[in-house]
Amino acid sequence: MGILSWIVLGALAGWVASMIMGKNSSMGLLTNIVVGIIGAFIGGYVMGLFGGGQVTGFNLQSFLTALVGAVILLAIGNLFSKGRVR
């Protein structure tokens, strides 16, 4: 998967995760990209524990894996910033 695919997948996953977690208004494009890419690594690890969810290309499985990881990342960030997961 090329760098441009990582950026696009990260931007989409980070944007959707920020809408799910209610942080869309406080996050910009660059933050969404970073959250989505880091979320892909976290999601790949977490989903790998359950026997699936590898980020192998630009497809639905990779998007959902990155989305799960991005939501986990935002929940952890929310926990440290406010003391609770929203």
C-alpha atoms as a PDB file:
ATOM      1  CA  MET A   1       0.000   0.000   0.000  1.00  0.00           C
ATOM      2  CA  GLY A   2       1.507   3.327  -1.064  1.00  0.00           C
ATOM      3  CA  ILE A   3       1.927   6.417   1.047  1.00  0.00           C
ATOM      4  CA  LEU A   4      -0.956   8.172  -0.706  1.00  0.00           C
ATOM      5  CA  SER A   5      -3.267   5.266   0.132  1.00  0.00           C
ATOM      6  CA  TRP A   6      -2.186   5.447   3.790  1.00  0.00           C
ATOM      7  CA  ILE A   7      -2.960   9.168   3.864  1.00  0.00           C
ATOM      8  CA  VAL A   8      -6.393   8.783   2.242  1.00  0.00           C
ATOM      9  CA  LEU A   9      -7.345   5.760   4.369  1.00  0.00           C
ATOM     10  CA  GLY A  10      -6.067   7.528   7.501  1.00  0.00           C
ATOM     11  CA  ALA A  11      -7.994  10.697   6.694  1.00  0.00           C
ATOM     12  CA  LEU A  12     -11.249   8.788   6.149  1.00  0.00           C
ATOM     13  CA  ALA A  13     -10.852   6.577   9.216  1.00  0.00           C
ATOM     14  CA  GLY A  14      -9.821   9.502  11.422  1.00  0.00           C
ATOM     15  CA  TRP A  15     -12.688  11.659  10.188  1.00  0.00           C
ATOM     16  CA  VAL A  16     -15.337   8.971  10.764  1.00  0.00           C
ATOM     17  CA  ALA A  17     -13.837   8.104  14.171  1.00  0.00           C
ATOM     18  CA  SER A  18     -13.904  11.770  15.201  1.00  0.00           C
ATOM     19  CA  MET A  19     -17.586  11.949  14.235  1.00  0.00           C
ATOM     20  CA  ILE A  20     -18.325   8.782  16.236  1.00  0.00           C
ATOM     21  CA  MET A  21     -16.501  10.131  19.293  1.00  0.00           C
ATOM     22  CA  GLY A  22     -18.016  13.635  18.975  1.00  0.00           C
ATOM     23  CA  LYS A  23     -14.680  15.391  18.394  1.00  0.00           C
ATOM     24  CA  ASN A  24     -15.171  16.382  14.750  1.00  0.00           C
ATOM     25  CA  SER A  25     -15.340  20.115  15.417  1.00  0.00           C
ATOM     26  CA  SER A  26     -12.054  20.173  17.327  1.00  0.00           C
ATOM     27  CA  MET A  27      -9.965  18.118  14.883  1.00  0.00           C
ATOM     28  CA  GLY A  28      -8.430  19.286  11.625  1.00  0.00           C
ATOM     29  CA  LEU A  29      -7.394  17.411   8.503  1.00  0.00           C
ATOM     30  CA  LEU A  30      -3.839  16.698   9.659  1.00  0.00           C
ATOM     31  CA  THR A  31      -5.035  15.397  13.023  1.00  0.00           C
ATOM     32  CA  ASN A  32      -7.584  13.153  11.300  1.00  0.00           C
ATOM     33  CA  ILE A  33      -4.854  11.713   9.070  1.00  0.00           C
ATOM     34  CA  VAL A  34      -2.506  11.067  11.995  1.00  0.00           C
ATOM     35  CA  VAL A  35      -5.281   9.526  14.129  1.00  0.00           C
ATOM     36  CA  GLY A  36      -6.352   7.307  11.231  1.00  0.00           C
ATOM     37  CA  ILE A  37      -2.833   6.067  10.451  1.00  0.00           C
ATOM     38  CA  ILE A  38      -1.975   5.390  14.097  1.00  0.00           C
ATOM     39  CA  GLY A  39      -5.444   3.856  14.437  1.00  0.00           C
ATOM     40  CA  ALA A  40      -4.618   1.456  11.604  1.00  0.00           C
ATOM     41  CA  PHE A  41      -1.639   0.167  13.575  1.00  0.00           C
ATOM     42  CA  ILE A  42      -3.644  -0.090  16.805  1.00  0.00           C
ATOM     43  CA  GLY A  43      -6.595  -1.689  15.035  1.00  0.00           C
ATOM     44  CA  GLY A  44      -4.318  -4.149  13.254  1.00  0.00           C
ATOM     45  CA  TYR A  45      -2.822  -5.201  16.569  1.00  0.00           C
ATOM     46  CA  VAL A  46      -6.164  -5.481  18.388  1.00  0.00           C
ATOM     47  CA  MET A  47      -7.913  -7.259  15.506  1.00  0.00           C
ATOM     48  CA  GLY A  48      -4.875  -9.535  15.119  1.00  0.00           C
ATOM     49  CA  LEU A  49      -5.478 -10.765  18.662  1.00  0.00           C
ATOM     50  CA  PHE A  50      -8.863 -11.991  17.447  1.00  0.00           C
ATOM     51  CA  GLY A  51      -7.494 -13.604  14.287  1.00  0.00           C
ATOM     52  CA  GLY A  52      -8.215 -11.005  11.604  1.00  0.00           C
ATOM     53  CA  GLY A  53      -8.240  -7.383  10.584  1.00  0.00           C
ATOM     54  CA  GLN A  54      -5.000  -6.859   8.740  1.00  0.00           C
ATOM     55  CA  VAL A  55      -4.470  -3.604   6.875  1.00  0.00           C
ATOM     56  CA  THR A  56      -3.506  -5.045   3.498  1.00  0.00           C
ATOM     57  CA  GLY A  57      -4.719  -2.477   1.018  1.00  0.00           C
ATOM     58  CA  PHE A  58      -7.387   0.072   0.285  1.00  0.00           C
ATOM     59  CA  ASN A  59     -10.485  -2.031   1.012  1.00  0.00           C
ATOM     60  CA  LEU A  60     -13.401  -2.243   3.452  1.00  0.00           C
ATOM     61  CA  GLN A  61     -11.609  -4.572   5.878  1.00  0.00           C
ATOM     62  CA  SER A  62      -8.638  -2.206   6.138  1.00  0.00           C
ATOM     63  CA  PHE A  63     -10.951   0.785   6.607  1.00  0.00           C
ATOM     64  CA  LEU A  64     -12.898  -0.932   9.394  1.00  0.00           C
ATOM     65  CA  THR A  65      -9.668  -2.021  11.084  1.00  0.00           C
ATOM     66  CA  ALA A  66      -8.305   1.530  10.962  1.00  0.00           C
ATOM     67  CA  LEU A  67     -11.650   2.878  12.179  1.00  0.00           C
ATOM     68  CA  VAL A  68     -11.701   0.559  15.204  1.00  0.00           C
ATOM     69  CA  GLY A  69      -8.139   1.545  16.068  1.00  0.00           C
ATOM     70  CA  ALA A  70      -8.872   5.255  15.628  1.00  0.00           C
ATOM     71  CA  VAL A  71     -11.907   5.031  17.926  1.00  0.00           C
ATOM     72  CA  ILE A  72      -9.766   3.225  20.510  1.00  0.00           C
ATOM     73  CA  LEU A  73      -7.071   5.912  20.181  1.00  0.00           C
ATOM     74  CA  LEU A  74      -9.578   8.755  20.589  1.00  0.00           C
ATOM     75  CA  ALA A  75     -11.185   6.996  23.580  1.00  0.00           C
ATOM     76  CA  ILE A  76      -7.780   6.671  25.254  1.00  0.00           C
ATOM     77  CA  GLY A  77      -7.013  10.322  24.497  1.00  0.00           C
ATOM     78  CA  ASN A  78     -10.395  11.342  25.879  1.00  0.00           C
ATOM     79  CA  LEU A  79      -9.734   9.304  29.000  1.00  0.00           C
ATOM     80  CA  PHE A  80      -6.485  11.139  29.697  1.00  0.00           C
ATOM     81  CA  SER A  81      -7.826  14.592  28.856  1.00  0.00           C
ATOM     82  CA  LYS A  82     -11.142  14.482  30.715  1.00  0.00           C
ATOM     83  CA  GLY A  83     -10.797  11.500  33.011  1.00  0.00           C
ATOM     84  CA  ARG A  84     -13.593   9.544  31.359  1.00  0.00           C
ATOM     85  CA  VAL A  85     -14.497   7.975  28.037  1.00  0.00           C
ATOM     86  CA  ARG A  86     -17.444   9.639  26.374  1.00  0.00           C
END
